[in-house]
Amino acid sequence: MAKDEDILAQVNQLVAEEKELRSKLQHHDIDQTEEHKRLRAVEVQLDQCWDLLRQRRALRDTGADPRAAEVRPADEVEGYLS
């Protein structure tokens, strides 16, 4: 299982990819449809990473092993209310 630092590194990579996609769209290297499709996938992966970090924190706070946290399916994570 990944450590918090590994998950945060993944978050940073995804944020960099998001910025790159926006830049490519601005420079007309990709079209808007492609940008939206890929951005949606990045957003889902980011939500999964943040959810995993929250799970790990909650387990740690309750004295449980944070390694028990697992990546939840996209449809579950995306179904949470703000």
PDB file of N, CA and C in Angstrom:
ATOM      1  N   MET A   1       0.852  -1.194   0.000  1.00  0.00           N
ATOM      2  CA  MET A   1       0.000   0.000   0.000  1.00  0.00           C
ATOM      3  C   MET A   1       0.882   1.236   0.000  1.00  0.00           C
ATOM      4  N   ALA A   2       0.470   2.235  -0.689  1.00  0.00           N
ATOM      5  CA  ALA A   2       1.217   3.485  -0.798  1.00  0.00           C
ATOM      6  C   ALA A   2       1.204   4.251   0.526  1.00  0.00           C
ATOM      7  N   LYS A   3       2.228   5.036   0.719  1.00  0.00           N
ATOM      8  CA  LYS A   3       2.307   5.935   1.868  1.00  0.00           C
ATOM      9  C   LYS A   3       1.657   7.256   1.487  1.00  0.00           C
ATOM     10  N   ASP A   4       1.378   8.074   2.499  1.00  0.00           N
ATOM     11  CA  ASP A   4       0.782   9.378   2.247  1.00  0.00           C
ATOM     12  C   ASP A   4       1.626  10.178   1.252  1.00  0.00           C
ATOM     13  N   GLU A   5       2.933  10.120   1.407  1.00  0.00           N
ATOM     14  CA  GLU A   5       3.824  10.875   0.525  1.00  0.00           C
ATOM     15  C   GLU A   5       3.677  10.419  -0.931  1.00  0.00           C
ATOM     16  N   ASP A   6       3.497   9.122  -1.120  1.00  0.00           N
ATOM     17  CA  ASP A   6       3.316   8.590  -2.478  1.00  0.00           C
ATOM     18  C   ASP A   6       2.001   9.082  -3.079  1.00  0.00           C
ATOM     19  N   ILE A   7       0.972   9.119  -2.266  1.00  0.00           N
ATOM     20  CA  ILE A   7      -0.339   9.573  -2.730  1.00  0.00           C
ATOM     21  C   ILE A   7      -0.269  11.059  -3.072  1.00  0.00           C
ATOM     22  N   LEU A   8       0.402  11.837  -2.223  1.00  0.00           N
ATOM     23  CA  LEU A   8       0.553  13.267  -2.489  1.00  0.00           C
ATOM     24  C   LEU A   8       1.388  13.509  -3.746  1.00  0.00           C
ATOM     25  N   ALA A   9       2.378  12.672  -3.997  1.00  0.00           N
ATOM     26  CA  ALA A   9       3.166  12.789  -5.226  1.00  0.00           C
ATOM     27  C   ALA A   9       2.273  12.541  -6.439  1.00  0.00           C
ATOM     28  N   GLN A  10       1.372  11.585  -6.328  1.00  0.00           N
ATOM     29  CA  GLN A  10       0.407  11.304  -7.406  1.00  0.00           C
ATOM     30  C   GLN A  10      -0.502  12.508  -7.628  1.00  0.00           C
ATOM     31  N   VAL A  11      -0.945  13.125  -6.528  1.00  0.00           N
ATOM     32  CA  VAL A  11      -1.776  14.329  -6.628  1.00  0.00           C
ATOM     33  C   VAL A  11      -1.022  15.413  -7.393  1.00  0.00           C
ATOM     34  N   ASN A  12       0.237  15.620  -7.037  1.00  0.00           N
ATOM     35  CA  ASN A  12       1.043  16.642  -7.709  1.00  0.00           C
ATOM     36  C   ASN A  12       1.195  16.345  -9.206  1.00  0.00           C
ATOM     37  N   GLN A  13       1.365  15.077  -9.557  1.00  0.00           N
ATOM     38  CA  GLN A  13       1.473  14.695 -10.968  1.00  0.00           C
ATOM     39  C   GLN A  13       0.169  14.981 -11.711  1.00  0.00           C
ATOM     40  N   LEU A  14      -0.937  14.671 -11.066  1.00  0.00           N
ATOM     41  CA  LEU A  14      -2.237  14.901 -11.700  1.00  0.00           C
ATOM     42  C   LEU A  14      -2.517  16.390 -11.877  1.00  0.00           C
ATOM     43  N   VAL A  15      -2.144  17.187 -10.885  1.00  0.00           N
ATOM     44  CA  VAL A  15      -2.327  18.638 -10.995  1.00  0.00           C
ATOM     45  C   VAL A  15      -1.461  19.180 -12.130  1.00  0.00           C
ATOM     46  N   ALA A  16      -0.245  18.686 -12.255  1.00  0.00           N
ATOM     47  CA  ALA A  16       0.635  19.105 -13.354  1.00  0.00           C
ATOM     48  C   ALA A  16       0.020  18.716 -14.702  1.00  0.00           C
ATOM     49  N   GLU A  17      -0.566  17.530 -14.765  1.00  0.00           N
ATOM     50  CA  GLU A  17      -1.212  17.095 -16.008  1.00  0.00           C
ATOM     51  C   GLU A  17      -2.400  17.986 -16.335  1.00  0.00           C
ATOM     52  N   GLU A  18      -3.154  18.362 -15.314  1.00  0.00           N
ATOM     53  CA  GLU A  18      -4.295  19.255 -15.511  1.00  0.00           C
ATOM     54  C   GLU A  18      -3.826  20.590 -16.103  1.00  0.00           C
ATOM     55  N   LYS A  19      -2.763  21.158 -15.549  1.00  0.00           N
ATOM     56  CA  LYS A  19      -2.227  22.421 -16.069  1.00  0.00           C
ATOM     57  C   LYS A  19      -1.739  22.264 -17.504  1.00  0.00           C
ATOM     58  N   GLU A  20      -1.097  21.133 -17.788  1.00  0.00           N
ATOM     59  CA  GLU A  20      -0.596  20.876 -19.137  1.00  0.00           C
ATOM     60  C   GLU A  20      -1.742  20.789 -20.142  1.00  0.00           C
ATOM     61  N   LEU A  21      -2.823  20.120 -19.746  1.00  0.00           N
ATOM     62  CA  LEU A  21      -3.981  20.014 -20.641  1.00  0.00           C
ATOM     63  C   LEU A  21      -4.567  21.382 -20.944  1.00  0.00           C
ATOM     64  N   ARG A  22      -4.672  22.206 -19.926  1.00  0.00           N
ATOM     65  CA  ARG A  22      -5.226  23.551 -20.133  1.00  0.00           C
ATOM     66  C   ARG A  22      -4.318  24.371 -21.056  1.00  0.00           C
ATOM     67  N   SER A  23      -3.021  24.204 -20.885  1.00  0.00           N
ATOM     68  CA  SER A  23      -2.067  24.899 -21.735  1.00  0.00           C
ATOM     69  C   SER A  23      -2.163  24.413 -23.184  1.00  0.00           C
ATOM     70  N   LYS A  24      -2.275  23.114 -23.362  1.00  0.00           N
ATOM     71  CA  LYS A  24      -2.390  22.555 -24.711  1.00  0.00           C
ATOM     72  C   LYS A  24      -3.646  23.065 -25.409  1.00  0.00           C
ATOM     73  N   LEU A  25      -4.732  23.174 -24.648  1.00  0.00           N
ATOM     74  CA  LEU A  25      -5.967  23.694 -25.227  1.00  0.00           C
ATOM     75  C   LEU A  25      -5.769  25.155 -25.642  1.00  0.00           C
ATOM     76  N   GLN A  26      -5.139  25.919 -24.783  1.00  0.00           N
ATOM     77  CA  GLN A  26      -4.910  27.331 -25.060  1.00  0.00           C
ATOM     78  C   GLN A  26      -4.041  27.525 -26.310  1.00  0.00           C
ATOM     79  N   HIS A  27      -3.106  26.614 -26.522  1.00  0.00           N
ATOM     80  CA  HIS A  27      -2.208  26.703 -27.681  1.00  0.00           C
ATOM     81  C   HIS A  27      -2.727  25.901 -28.887  1.00  0.00           C
ATOM     82  N   HIS A  28      -3.966  25.411 -28.762  1.00  0.00           N
ATOM     83  CA  HIS A  28      -4.627  24.666 -29.835  1.00  0.00           C
ATOM     84  C   HIS A  28      -3.896  23.365 -30.202  1.00  0.00           C
ATOM     85  N   ASP A  29      -3.199  22.781 -29.234  1.00  0.00           N
ATOM     86  CA  ASP A  29      -2.554  21.485 -29.459  1.00  0.00           C
ATOM     87  C   ASP A  29      -3.551  20.336 -29.321  1.00  0.00           C
ATOM     88  N   ILE A  30      -4.641  20.581 -28.590  1.00  0.00           N
ATOM     89  CA  ILE A  30      -5.732  19.616 -28.468  1.00  0.00           C
ATOM     90  C   ILE A  30      -7.039  20.377 -28.583  1.00  0.00           C
ATOM     91  N   ASP A  31      -8.107  19.655 -28.905  1.00  0.00           N
ATOM     92  CA  ASP A  31      -9.394  20.330 -28.991  1.00  0.00           C
ATOM     93  C   ASP A  31     -10.110  20.266 -27.641  1.00  0.00           C
ATOM     94  N   GLN A  32     -11.177  21.020 -27.532  1.00  0.00           N
ATOM     95  CA  GLN A  32     -11.900  21.140 -26.275  1.00  0.00           C
ATOM     96  C   GLN A  32     -12.507  19.808 -25.823  1.00  0.00           C
ATOM     97  N   THR A  33     -12.968  19.015 -26.756  1.00  0.00           N
ATOM     98  CA  THR A  33     -13.550  17.711 -26.414  1.00  0.00           C
ATOM     99  C   THR A  33     -12.515  16.812 -25.771  1.00  0.00           C
ATOM    100  N   GLU A  34     -11.342  16.760 -26.361  1.00  0.00           N
ATOM    101  CA  GLU A  34     -10.270  15.930 -25.813  1.00  0.00           C
ATOM    102  C   GLU A  34      -9.846  16.437 -24.437  1.00  0.00           C
ATOM    103  N   GLU A  35      -9.737  17.759 -24.301  1.00  0.00           N
ATOM    104  CA  GLU A  35      -9.341  18.347 -23.020  1.00  0.00           C
ATOM    105  C   GLU A  35     -10.355  18.004 -21.943  1.00  0.00           C
ATOM    106  N   HIS A  36     -11.640  18.169 -22.243  1.00  0.00           N
ATOM    107  CA  HIS A  36     -12.686  17.874 -21.251  1.00  0.00           C
ATOM    108  C   HIS A  36     -12.675  16.403 -20.843  1.00  0.00           C
ATOM    109  N   LYS A  37     -12.509  15.540 -21.821  1.00  0.00           N
ATOM    110  CA  LYS A  37     -12.500  14.097 -21.535  1.00  0.00           C
ATOM    111  C   LYS A  37     -11.347  13.737 -20.593  1.00  0.00           C
ATOM    112  N   ARG A  38     -10.164  14.214 -20.918  1.00  0.00           N
ATOM    113  CA  ARG A  38      -8.993  13.906 -20.106  1.00  0.00           C
ATOM    114  C   ARG A  38      -9.058  14.609 -18.748  1.00  0.00           C
ATOM    115  N   LEU A  39      -9.551  15.855 -18.719  1.00  0.00           N
ATOM    116  CA  LEU A  39      -9.696  16.552 -17.443  1.00  0.00           C
ATOM    117  C   LEU A  39     -10.648  15.813 -16.517  1.00  0.00           C
ATOM    118  N   ARG A  40     -11.698  15.277 -17.075  1.00  0.00           N
ATOM    119  CA  ARG A  40     -12.663  14.527 -16.250  1.00  0.00           C
ATOM    120  C   ARG A  40     -11.980  13.328 -15.613  1.00  0.00           C
ATOM    121  N   ALA A  41     -11.174  12.619 -16.372  1.00  0.00           N
ATOM    122  CA  ALA A  41     -10.455  11.461 -15.838  1.00  0.00           C
ATOM    123  C   ALA A  41      -9.478  11.887 -14.746  1.00  0.00           C
ATOM    124  N   VAL A  42      -8.797  13.004 -14.951  1.00  0.00           N
ATOM    125  CA  VAL A  42      -7.854  13.512 -13.952  1.00  0.00           C
ATOM    126  C   VAL A  42      -8.602  13.893 -12.675  1.00  0.00           C
ATOM    127  N   GLU A  43      -9.738  14.554 -12.816  1.00  0.00           N
ATOM    128  CA  GLU A  43     -10.533  14.952 -11.656  1.00  0.00           C
ATOM    129  C   GLU A  43     -10.981  13.743 -10.840  1.00  0.00           C
ATOM    130  N   VAL A  44     -11.380  12.685 -11.504  1.00  0.00           N
ATOM    131  CA  VAL A  44     -11.800  11.471 -10.813  1.00  0.00           C
ATOM    132  C   VAL A  44     -10.618  10.869 -10.049  1.00  0.00           C
ATOM    133  N   GLN A  45      -9.463  10.807 -10.695  1.00  0.00           N
ATOM    134  CA  GLN A  45      -8.277  10.261 -10.025  1.00  0.00           C
ATOM    135  C   GLN A  45      -7.886  11.122  -8.830  1.00  0.00           C
ATOM    136  N   LEU A  46      -7.989  12.438  -8.954  1.00  0.00           N
ATOM    137  CA  LEU A  46      -7.696  13.323  -7.831  1.00  0.00           C
ATOM    138  C   LEU A  46      -8.661  13.062  -6.677  1.00  0.00           C
ATOM    139  N   ASP A  47      -9.942  12.935  -6.986  1.00  0.00           N
ATOM    140  CA  ASP A  47     -10.938  12.650  -5.948  1.00  0.00           C
ATOM    141  C   ASP A  47     -10.622  11.332  -5.236  1.00  0.00           C
ATOM    142  N   GLN A  48     -10.197  10.330  -5.997  1.00  0.00           N
ATOM    143  CA  GLN A  48      -9.843   9.047  -5.393  1.00  0.00           C
ATOM    144  C   GLN A  48      -8.620   9.193  -4.480  1.00  0.00           C
ATOM    145  N   CYS A  49      -7.640   9.971  -4.909  1.00  0.00           N
ATOM    146  CA  CYS A  49      -6.449  10.185  -4.074  1.00  0.00           C
ATOM    147  C   CYS A  49      -6.817  10.884  -2.769  1.00  0.00           C
ATOM    148  N   TRP A  50      -7.603  11.962  -2.873  1.00  0.00           N
ATOM    149  CA  TRP A  50      -7.990  12.689  -1.661  1.00  0.00           C
ATOM    150  C   TRP A  50      -8.825  11.806  -0.738  1.00  0.00           C
ATOM    151  N   ASP A  51      -9.700  10.999  -1.298  1.00  0.00           N
ATOM    152  CA  ASP A  51     -10.497  10.079  -0.494  1.00  0.00           C
ATOM    153  C   ASP A  51      -9.595   9.075   0.224  1.00  0.00           C
ATOM    154  N   LEU A  52      -8.602   8.555  -0.474  1.00  0.00           N
ATOM    155  CA  LEU A  52      -7.675   7.598   0.125  1.00  0.00           C
ATOM    156  C   LEU A  52      -6.909   8.246   1.275  1.00  0.00           C
ATOM    157  N   LEU A  53      -6.468   9.480   1.084  1.00  0.00           N
ATOM    158  CA  LEU A  53      -5.771  10.184   2.161  1.00  0.00           C
ATOM    159  C   LEU A  53      -6.682  10.400   3.369  1.00  0.00           C
ATOM    160  N   ARG A  54      -7.946  10.739   3.118  1.00  0.00           N
ATOM    161  CA  ARG A  54      -8.899  10.914   4.229  1.00  0.00           C
ATOM    162  C   ARG A  54      -9.125   9.591   4.964  1.00  0.00           C
ATOM    163  N   GLN A  55      -9.250   8.514   4.209  1.00  0.00           N
ATOM    164  CA  GLN A  55      -9.412   7.199   4.847  1.00  0.00           C
ATOM    165  C   GLN A  55      -8.221   6.880   5.740  1.00  0.00           C
ATOM    166  N   ARG A  56      -7.027   7.102   5.213  1.00  0.00           N
ATOM    167  CA  ARG A  56      -5.802   6.806   5.963  1.00  0.00           C
ATOM    168  C   ARG A  56      -5.732   7.645   7.237  1.00  0.00           C
ATOM    169  N   ARG A  57      -6.083   8.913   7.136  1.00  0.00           N
ATOM    170  CA  ARG A  57      -6.078   9.783   8.316  1.00  0.00           C
ATOM    171  C   ARG A  57      -7.087   9.296   9.355  1.00  0.00           C
ATOM    172  N   ALA A  58      -8.279   8.949   8.904  1.00  0.00           N
ATOM    173  CA  ALA A  58      -9.311   8.476   9.823  1.00  0.00           C
ATOM    174  C   ALA A  58      -8.871   7.189  10.525  1.00  0.00           C
ATOM    175  N   LEU A  59      -8.274   6.287   9.771  1.00  0.00           N
ATOM    176  CA  LEU A  59      -7.794   5.047  10.387  1.00  0.00           C
ATOM    177  C   LEU A  59      -6.697   5.337  11.405  1.00  0.00           C
ATOM    178  N   ARG A  60      -5.795   6.209  11.055  1.00  0.00           N
ATOM    179  CA  ARG A  60      -4.701   6.574  11.967  1.00  0.00           C
ATOM    180  C   ARG A  60      -5.269   7.221  13.232  1.00  0.00           C
ATOM    181  N   ASP A  61      -6.234   8.122  13.064  1.00  0.00           N
ATOM    182  CA  ASP A  61      -6.829   8.836  14.198  1.00  0.00           C
ATOM    183  C   ASP A  61      -7.569   7.916  15.157  1.00  0.00           C
ATOM    184  N   THR A  62      -8.042   6.795  14.657  1.00  0.00           N
ATOM    185  CA  THR A  62      -8.766   5.848  15.506  1.00  0.00           C
ATOM    186  C   THR A  62      -7.885   4.704  15.997  1.00  0.00           C
ATOM    187  N   GLY A  63      -6.588   4.806  15.716  1.00  0.00           N
ATOM    188  CA  GLY A  63      -5.652   3.787  16.186  1.00  0.00           C
ATOM    189  C   GLY A  63      -5.561   2.568  15.283  1.00  0.00           C
ATOM    190  N   ALA A  64      -6.196   2.632  14.126  1.00  0.00           N
ATOM    191  CA  ALA A  64      -6.157   1.507  13.189  1.00  0.00           C
ATOM    192  C   ALA A  64      -4.985   1.690  12.222  1.00  0.00           C
ATOM    193  N   ASP A  65      -4.731   0.676  11.440  1.00  0.00           N
ATOM    194  CA  ASP A  65      -3.625   0.678  10.492  1.00  0.00           C
ATOM    195  C   ASP A  65      -4.041   1.405   9.208  1.00  0.00           C
ATOM    196  N   PRO A  66      -3.380   2.527   8.874  1.00  0.00           N
ATOM    197  CA  PRO A  66      -3.756   3.260   7.659  1.00  0.00           C
ATOM    198  C   PRO A  66      -3.539   2.454   6.383  1.00  0.00           C
ATOM    199  N   ARG A  67      -2.744   1.397   6.460  1.00  0.00           N
ATOM    200  CA  ARG A  67      -2.532   0.564   5.275  1.00  0.00           C
ATOM    201  C   ARG A  67      -3.783  -0.216   4.894  1.00  0.00           C
ATOM    202  N   ALA A  68      -4.782  -0.224   5.777  1.00  0.00           N
ATOM    203  CA  ALA A  68      -6.042  -0.908   5.481  1.00  0.00           C
ATOM    204  C   ALA A  68      -6.916  -0.108   4.516  1.00  0.00           C
ATOM    205  N   ALA A  69      -6.580   1.159   4.307  1.00  0.00           N
ATOM    206  CA  ALA A  69      -7.359   1.990   3.378  1.00  0.00           C
ATOM    207  C   ALA A  69      -7.171   1.481   1.959  1.00  0.00           C
ATOM    208  N   GLU A  70      -8.225   1.580   1.177  1.00  0.00           N
ATOM    209  CA  GLU A  70      -8.187   1.133  -0.218  1.00  0.00           C
ATOM    210  C   GLU A  70      -8.796   2.181  -1.126  1.00  0.00           C
ATOM    211  N   VAL A  71      -8.323   2.220  -2.358  1.00  0.00           N
ATOM    212  CA  VAL A  71      -8.895   3.126  -3.350  1.00  0.00           C
ATOM    213  C   VAL A  71     -10.325   2.667  -3.620  1.00  0.00           C
ATOM    214  N   ARG A  72     -11.236   3.586  -3.467  1.00  0.00           N
ATOM    215  CA  ARG A  72     -12.639   3.263  -3.724  1.00  0.00           C
ATOM    216  C   ARG A  72     -12.945   3.454  -5.200  1.00  0.00           C
ATOM    217  N   PRO A  73     -13.949   2.737  -5.712  1.00  0.00           N
ATOM    218  CA  PRO A  73     -14.323   2.869  -7.126  1.00  0.00           C
ATOM    219  C   PRO A  73     -14.735   4.305  -7.457  1.00  0.00           C
ATOM    220  N   ALA A  74     -14.475   4.695  -8.687  1.00  0.00           N
ATOM    221  CA  ALA A  74     -14.773   6.056  -9.133  1.00  0.00           C
ATOM    222  C   ALA A  74     -16.236   6.426  -8.907  1.00  0.00           C
ATOM    223  N   ASP A  75     -17.150   5.521  -9.218  1.00  0.00           N
ATOM    224  CA  ASP A  75     -18.571   5.860  -9.075  1.00  0.00           C
ATOM    225  C   ASP A  75     -18.948   6.081  -7.621  1.00  0.00           C
ATOM    226  N   GLU A  76     -18.270   5.428  -6.700  1.00  0.00           N
ATOM    227  CA  GLU A  76     -18.539   5.635  -5.284  1.00  0.00           C
ATOM    228  C   GLU A  76     -17.992   6.990  -4.826  1.00  0.00           C
ATOM    229  N   VAL A  77     -16.765   7.276  -5.174  1.00  0.00           N
ATOM    230  CA  VAL A  77     -16.134   8.534  -4.771  1.00  0.00           C
ATOM    231  C   VAL A  77     -16.855   9.717  -5.404  1.00  0.00           C
ATOM    232  N   GLU A  78     -17.252   9.582  -6.657  1.00  0.00           N
ATOM    233  CA  GLU A  78     -17.923  10.677  -7.347  1.00  0.00           C
ATOM    234  C   GLU A  78     -19.364  10.854  -6.871  1.00  0.00           C
ATOM    235  N   GLY A  79     -19.897   9.904  -6.132  1.00  0.00           N
ATOM    236  CA  GLY A  79     -21.254   9.997  -5.638  1.00  0.00           C
ATOM    237  C   GLY A  79     -21.381  10.703  -4.302  1.00  0.00           C
ATOM    238  N   TYR A  80     -20.245  11.078  -3.686  1.00  0.00           N
ATOM    239  CA  TYR A  80     -20.270  11.772  -2.393  1.00  0.00           C
ATOM    240  C   TYR A  80     -20.853  13.164  -2.581  1.00  0.00           C
ATOM    241  N   LEU A  81     -21.537  13.624  -1.557  1.00  0.00           N
ATOM    242  CA  LEU A  81     -22.056  14.987  -1.548  1.00  0.00           C
ATOM    243  C   LEU A  81     -21.028  15.882  -0.886  1.00  0.00           C
ATOM    244  N   SER A  82     -20.956  17.107  -1.332  1.00  0.00           N
ATOM    245  CA  SER A  82     -20.007  18.077  -0.750  1.00  0.00           C
ATOM    246  C   SER A  82     -20.440  18.486   0.631  1.00  0.00           C
TER     247      SER A  82
END
